[in-house]
Structure formats: C-alpha cells, structure tokens
C-alpha cells in the first residue's frame, strides 16, 4: 500500500477513535463528574499502555538510547492540558454545543496554537512565517466550525 494512503487510513481511524472516546467519556461524566471521568479515562489509558509494554517486553525497547536523552522541563506539562481537554470535552459534549462542535473547536484551537508556535519559534522549533495558505486553512476551519455549531443548534 502507498505510504500516503497508510497515513490517511491511520488518521481517519484515529479521528474516529477520538470521537468515540469523547462520546464515551461524556456519558461517564453524566453519571459522575467531568473530573472523575477524566481520572477514569487516564487511569485506563495508563493501564493499557503498561499492559502493552509488558506484552512487548524489555528486549524490544532500546533503554540505553532513552537514558542518554534528557527531556526539557516543559515536556512534563503535557499531561495537564490533556487532562483539562478531557474534562472540558466532557462538559461541552453534554451542552448545546455537542460532539461535532466540540471536536471542531478543538481542531481549530490546535491549529491556531501550532501556528503561534511556528511563527514565534517556541519550544525550540524553527521560526516559520505565516503564509497565505495558513490564513486560508484557518478561514476554512473556522467557517466549518461555525457552520457546525450554529446550523446544528437551529435544526
């Protein structure tokens, strides 16, 4: 199979899995609270990751290459926005915004943040100027998000 089609298939599968996870997590938040739902989701994720590591075994992991590299201090902050995202997604899916609106706004936020990081060269990334193509992408995603949010509420 062509490498491009493989990546597209993986991206579509990941997007469907994300939508399913947010929907299930929001249903769990209805029964408990968004904080408890986030704890359960992250606990299950940690358990599954640990199980996969046990199945793979230590032989296949190159621990000597990992030990030599030190992570930057801000690398450890990734879990905090992730947990907040799970909690906020559980709250917004259960509101009038719905699942599609939540996912579209999350996508828009990720793209805007990545453009800010690229344009200022944050986190040791190379600086990149904002181009016309970037503006078109933001406009199209923002328009689609607004259509999903406002047209979905009027139906």
Protein backbone atom coordinates (compact mmCIF):
# COMPACT_ATOMS: atom_id res chain seq x y z
CA UNK A 1 0.00 0.00 0.00
CA UNK A 2 1.16 3.55 -0.69
CA UNK A 3 2.61 5.37 2.33
CA UNK A 4 0.26 8.33 1.85
CA UNK A 5 -2.80 6.08 1.93
CA UNK A 6 -1.48 4.34 5.02
CA UNK A 7 -1.13 7.66 6.84
CA UNK A 8 -4.59 8.73 5.72
CA UNK A 9 -6.08 5.47 6.97
CA UNK A 10 -4.34 5.84 10.32
CA UNK A 11 -5.53 9.47 10.59
CA UNK A 12 -9.15 8.51 9.85
CA UNK A 13 -9.04 5.64 12.35
CA UNK A 14 -7.51 7.94 15.00
CA UNK A 15 -10.18 10.58 14.41
CA UNK A 16 -12.96 8.02 14.75
CA UNK A 17 -11.36 6.65 17.91
CA UNK A 18 -11.10 10.18 19.35
CA UNK A 19 -14.78 10.88 18.67
CA UNK A 20 -15.74 7.57 20.28
CA UNK A 21 -13.55 8.27 23.32
CA UNK A 22 -15.02 11.75 23.83
CA UNK A 23 -18.56 10.43 23.48
CA UNK A 24 -17.99 7.62 25.99
CA UNK A 25 -16.19 9.96 28.38
CA UNK A 26 -19.04 12.48 28.24
CA UNK A 27 -21.54 9.72 29.05
CA UNK A 28 -19.38 8.76 32.02
CA UNK A 29 -19.30 12.42 33.08
CA UNK A 30 -23.10 12.46 33.15
CA UNK A 31 -23.06 9.62 35.68
CA UNK A 32 -20.29 11.07 37.86
CA UNK A 33 -18.47 14.33 37.22
CA UNK A 34 -16.08 15.50 34.48
CA UNK A 35 -13.16 15.24 36.93
CA UNK A 36 -13.94 11.63 37.83
CA UNK A 37 -14.49 10.77 34.16
CA UNK A 38 -11.08 12.25 33.33
CA UNK A 39 -9.43 10.24 36.10
CA UNK A 40 -11.05 7.04 34.87
CA UNK A 41 -10.07 7.71 31.23
CA UNK A 42 -6.46 8.50 32.11
CA UNK A 43 -6.24 5.56 34.51
CA UNK A 44 -7.49 3.16 31.85
CA UNK A 45 -5.07 4.66 29.33
CA UNK A 46 -2.13 4.23 31.71
CA UNK A 47 -3.17 0.63 32.43
CA UNK A 48 -3.42 -0.17 28.70
CA UNK A 49 -0.04 1.45 27.98
CA UNK A 50 1.60 -0.51 30.79
CA UNK A 51 -0.01 -3.73 29.54
CA UNK A 52 1.35 -3.11 26.04
CA UNK A 53 4.81 -2.53 27.46
CA UNK A 54 4.60 -5.83 29.35
CA UNK A 55 3.47 -7.65 26.21
CA UNK A 56 6.21 -6.17 24.03
CA UNK A 57 8.84 -6.94 26.62
CA UNK A 58 12.02 -5.14 27.57
CA UNK A 59 14.07 -6.74 24.80
CA UNK A 60 12.46 -4.70 22.05
CA UNK A 61 12.84 -1.40 23.87
CA UNK A 62 16.19 0.29 23.47
CA UNK A 63 16.58 1.62 27.01
CA UNK A 64 20.19 2.75 26.57
CA UNK A 65 19.19 5.26 23.88
CA UNK A 66 16.39 6.61 26.06
CA UNK A 67 18.54 7.08 29.17
CA UNK A 68 21.03 9.36 27.41
CA UNK A 69 18.45 11.98 26.46
CA UNK A 70 17.04 14.40 29.00
CA UNK A 71 13.58 15.80 28.45
CA UNK A 72 13.04 19.55 28.62
CA UNK A 73 11.19 20.83 31.67
CA UNK A 74 8.11 21.77 29.65
CA UNK A 75 7.79 18.21 28.31
CA UNK A 76 6.29 17.18 31.62
CA UNK A 77 3.50 19.75 31.34
CA UNK A 78 1.77 17.85 28.51
CA UNK A 79 -0.44 15.86 30.84
CA UNK A 80 -2.05 18.92 32.40
CA UNK A 81 -3.59 20.33 29.18
CA UNK A 82 -4.55 16.79 28.18
CA UNK A 83 -6.48 16.25 31.40
CA UNK A 84 -8.12 19.67 31.08
CA UNK A 85 -9.09 18.87 27.48
CA UNK A 86 -10.74 15.62 28.52
CA UNK A 87 -12.69 17.38 31.29
CA UNK A 88 -13.76 20.31 29.10
CA UNK A 89 -14.75 17.97 26.27
CA UNK A 90 -16.97 16.03 28.68
CA UNK A 91 -18.63 19.28 29.75
CA UNK A 92 -19.11 20.70 26.25
CA UNK A 93 -20.39 17.47 24.70
CA UNK A 94 -23.14 17.42 27.31
CA UNK A 95 -24.07 21.03 26.48
CA UNK A 96 -25.83 22.52 23.45
CA UNK A 97 -22.51 22.56 21.59
CA UNK A 98 -22.48 18.79 21.10
CA UNK A 99 -19.77 16.40 19.95
CA UNK A 100 -19.24 17.84 16.46
CA UNK A 101 -18.92 21.40 17.76
CA UNK A 102 -16.52 20.30 20.49
CA UNK A 103 -14.27 18.46 18.02
CA UNK A 104 -14.31 21.30 15.50
CA UNK A 105 -13.33 23.88 18.12
CA UNK A 106 -10.62 21.56 19.46
CA UNK A 107 -9.22 21.22 15.94
CA UNK A 108 -9.29 24.99 15.47
CA UNK A 109 -7.51 25.55 18.79
CA UNK A 110 -4.78 23.05 17.93
CA UNK A 111 -4.16 24.66 14.55
CA UNK A 112 -4.05 28.18 15.98
CA UNK A 113 -1.64 27.08 18.72
CA UNK A 114 0.64 25.35 16.20
CA UNK A 115 0.69 28.47 14.02
CA UNK A 116 1.66 30.59 17.04
CA UNK A 117 4.41 28.12 17.96
CA UNK A 118 5.70 28.12 14.37
CA UNK A 119 5.62 31.88 13.92
CA UNK A 120 7.48 32.62 17.20
CA UNK A 121 9.74 29.56 17.19
CA UNK A 122 8.57 28.38 20.59
CA UNK A 123 9.75 25.08 22.14
CA UNK A 124 12.98 25.13 20.08
CA UNK A 125 11.10 24.79 16.79
CA UNK A 126 12.32 26.68 13.72
CA UNK A 127 10.60 30.00 13.05
CA UNK A 128 8.21 29.99 10.12
CA UNK A 129 6.32 32.94 8.71
CA UNK A 130 2.56 32.80 8.47
CA UNK A 131 1.66 32.41 4.80
CA UNK A 132 -1.43 32.84 2.67
CA UNK A 133 -2.03 29.08 2.76
CA UNK A 134 -2.16 29.19 6.58
CA UNK A 135 -4.71 32.00 6.50
CA UNK A 136 -6.89 30.01 4.06
CA UNK A 137 -6.73 26.93 6.30
CA UNK A 138 -7.73 28.94 9.38
CA UNK A 139 -10.60 30.58 7.49
CA UNK A 140 -11.96 27.28 6.16
CA UNK A 141 -11.77 25.51 9.52
CA UNK A 142 -13.30 28.50 11.32
CA UNK A 143 -16.14 28.66 8.76
CA UNK A 144 -16.78 24.93 9.06
CA UNK A 145 -16.75 25.14 12.85
CA UNK A 146 -19.25 27.99 12.84
CA UNK A 147 -21.50 26.11 10.40
CA UNK A 148 -21.43 23.03 12.62
CA UNK A 149 -22.13 24.99 15.79
CA UNK A 150 -24.79 27.42 14.56
CA UNK A 151 -26.51 25.22 11.97
CA UNK A 152 -26.61 22.31 14.42
CA UNK A 153 -28.44 24.41 17.01
CA UNK A 154 -31.06 25.65 14.54
CA UNK A 155 -32.09 22.16 13.39
